[in-house]
Amino acid sequence: MILSLQAIGDALALNPIKVRKLLITAGVYESEMAEKVKNTFVEYRETQDYKTSILSTANTLQLSKASVTSYLPYQKGAYFPSTADKEKISVGAERQRRYRAMKRWRADPTEENFWGENKHQV
């Protein structure tokens, strides 16, 4: 029996897009779009960094950045994104980094928190 992404997501209390990404990462999900995104991304990745490859793939296939990343497998990322180079972390990790920095600054609007000199995670 083949279950839909929605049915799997409902059973696991996960979003169907996250289910698809997990299945792609496990190498058990196939679709024409997933193959197109993967091949296009791999081609750009030969000459571009990760983030630029995402943007180029999105532009070529007329997809959003979020759509492109949802069709790519999870990558083993930096374990300490607060200290990693911006170019070496995922779009989502960078978004979380900015969110946490703003949260720290709003809670304690000091110059250290504004400039990110405080390395504590929230």
Protein backbone atom coordinates (compact mmCIF):
# COMPACT_ATOMS: atom_id res chain seq x y z
CA MET A 1 0.00 0.00 0.00
CA ILE A 2 1.32 3.45 -0.94
CA LEU A 3 0.41 6.24 1.46
CA SER A 4 0.17 9.90 0.51
CA LEU A 5 2.53 12.42 2.06
CA GLN A 6 -0.49 13.88 3.84
CA ALA A 7 -1.44 10.48 5.33
CA ILE A 8 2.12 9.89 6.51
CA GLY A 9 2.27 13.42 7.88
CA ASP A 10 -1.01 12.96 9.73
CA ALA A 11 0.21 9.69 11.26
CA LEU A 12 3.47 11.28 12.42
CA ALA A 13 2.10 14.75 13.21
CA LEU A 14 4.43 16.26 10.60
CA ASN A 15 3.91 18.63 7.71
CA PRO A 16 3.70 16.73 4.37
CA ILE A 17 6.55 18.84 2.98
CA LYS A 18 8.78 17.78 5.88
CA VAL A 19 7.74 14.17 5.24
CA ARG A 20 8.77 14.55 1.58
CA LYS A 21 12.13 16.05 2.55
CA LEU A 22 12.76 13.21 5.02
CA LEU A 23 11.88 10.62 2.36
CA ILE A 24 14.15 12.37 -0.16
CA THR A 25 16.96 12.36 2.41
CA ALA A 26 16.38 8.63 2.96
CA GLY A 27 16.52 8.10 -0.81
CA VAL A 28 13.04 6.57 -1.05
CA TYR A 29 11.05 9.40 -2.64
CA GLU A 30 10.94 9.91 -6.38
CA SER A 31 9.14 12.44 -8.55
CA GLU A 32 9.83 14.28 -11.76
CA MET A 33 10.10 17.60 -9.90
CA ALA A 34 12.42 16.19 -7.22
CA GLU A 35 14.69 14.84 -9.95
CA LYS A 36 14.66 18.18 -11.83
CA VAL A 37 15.49 20.15 -8.71
CA LYS A 38 18.27 17.74 -7.69
CA ASN A 39 19.89 17.69 -11.13
CA THR A 40 19.69 21.45 -11.59
CA PHE A 41 21.05 22.09 -8.09
CA VAL A 42 23.93 19.62 -8.56
CA GLU A 43 24.86 21.29 -11.84
CA TYR A 44 24.99 24.76 -10.25
CA ARG A 45 26.76 23.41 -7.17
CA GLU A 46 29.78 22.49 -9.30
CA THR A 47 30.60 26.19 -9.69
CA GLN A 48 28.62 27.99 -6.96
CA ASP A 49 28.30 27.97 -3.20
CA TYR A 50 25.27 26.36 -1.57
CA LYS A 51 23.11 29.47 -1.20
CA THR A 52 23.85 30.75 -4.71
CA SER A 53 23.07 27.30 -6.12
CA ILE A 54 19.68 27.37 -4.35
CA LEU A 55 18.90 30.79 -5.83
CA SER A 56 20.07 29.80 -9.32
CA THR A 57 18.00 26.61 -9.19
CA ALA A 58 14.94 28.56 -8.03
CA ASN A 59 15.39 31.08 -10.84
CA THR A 60 15.93 28.44 -13.53
CA LEU A 61 12.94 26.31 -12.49
CA GLN A 62 10.73 29.31 -11.55
CA LEU A 63 10.32 28.06 -7.97
CA SER A 64 10.67 29.76 -4.61
CA LYS A 65 13.79 29.18 -2.49
CA ALA A 66 11.62 27.28 -0.01
CA SER A 67 10.35 24.96 -2.76
CA VAL A 68 13.87 24.24 -3.96
CA THR A 69 15.13 23.40 -0.47
CA SER A 70 12.06 21.24 0.18
CA TYR A 71 13.10 19.01 -2.73
CA LEU A 72 16.71 18.64 -1.58
CA PRO A 73 17.90 16.19 1.07
CA TYR A 74 18.85 17.42 4.51
CA GLN A 75 22.53 18.24 4.70
CA LYS A 76 24.70 17.63 7.70
CA GLY A 77 25.17 21.20 8.85
CA ALA A 78 27.23 23.11 11.34
CA TYR A 79 26.57 21.98 14.89
CA PHE A 80 27.21 25.47 16.23
CA PRO A 81 25.54 27.77 13.71
CA SER A 82 26.12 30.82 15.92
CA THR A 83 29.87 30.51 15.32
CA ALA A 84 29.86 29.11 11.77
CA ASP A 85 30.57 31.19 8.68
CA LYS A 86 27.37 32.56 7.17
CA GLU A 87 28.15 30.83 3.85
CA LYS A 88 28.39 27.42 5.51
CA ILE A 89 24.98 27.24 7.15
CA SER A 90 21.56 26.59 5.68
CA VAL A 91 19.00 29.26 4.90
CA GLY A 92 16.87 28.02 7.81
CA ALA A 93 19.79 28.10 10.24
CA GLU A 94 20.62 31.66 9.19
CA ARG A 95 16.98 32.67 9.70
CA GLN A 96 17.04 31.14 13.21
CA ARG A 97 20.32 32.89 13.98
CA ARG A 98 18.81 36.28 13.08
CA TYR A 99 15.61 35.53 15.03
CA ARG A 100 17.55 34.56 18.16
CA ALA A 101 19.78 37.63 17.88
CA MET A 102 16.74 39.92 17.65
CA LYS A 103 15.07 38.10 20.56
CA ARG A 104 18.20 38.59 22.71
CA TRP A 105 18.42 42.25 21.75
CA ARG A 106 14.73 42.91 22.49
CA ALA A 107 15.07 41.24 25.90
CA ASP A 108 18.29 43.14 26.69
CA PRO A 109 18.91 46.06 24.30
CA THR A 110 22.61 46.45 25.00
CA GLU A 111 25.30 47.29 22.48
CA GLU A 112 26.80 43.80 22.87
CA ASN A 113 23.48 42.17 21.98
CA PHE A 114 22.93 44.58 19.09
CA TRP A 115 26.30 43.77 17.51
CA GLY A 116 26.13 40.06 18.33
CA GLU A 117 29.10 40.00 20.66
CA ASN A 118 27.10 37.97 23.17
CA LYS A 119 27.47 34.33 22.03
CA HIS A 120 24.85 32.82 24.38
CA GLN A 121 21.99 31.00 22.66
CA VAL A 122 18.40 31.55 23.73
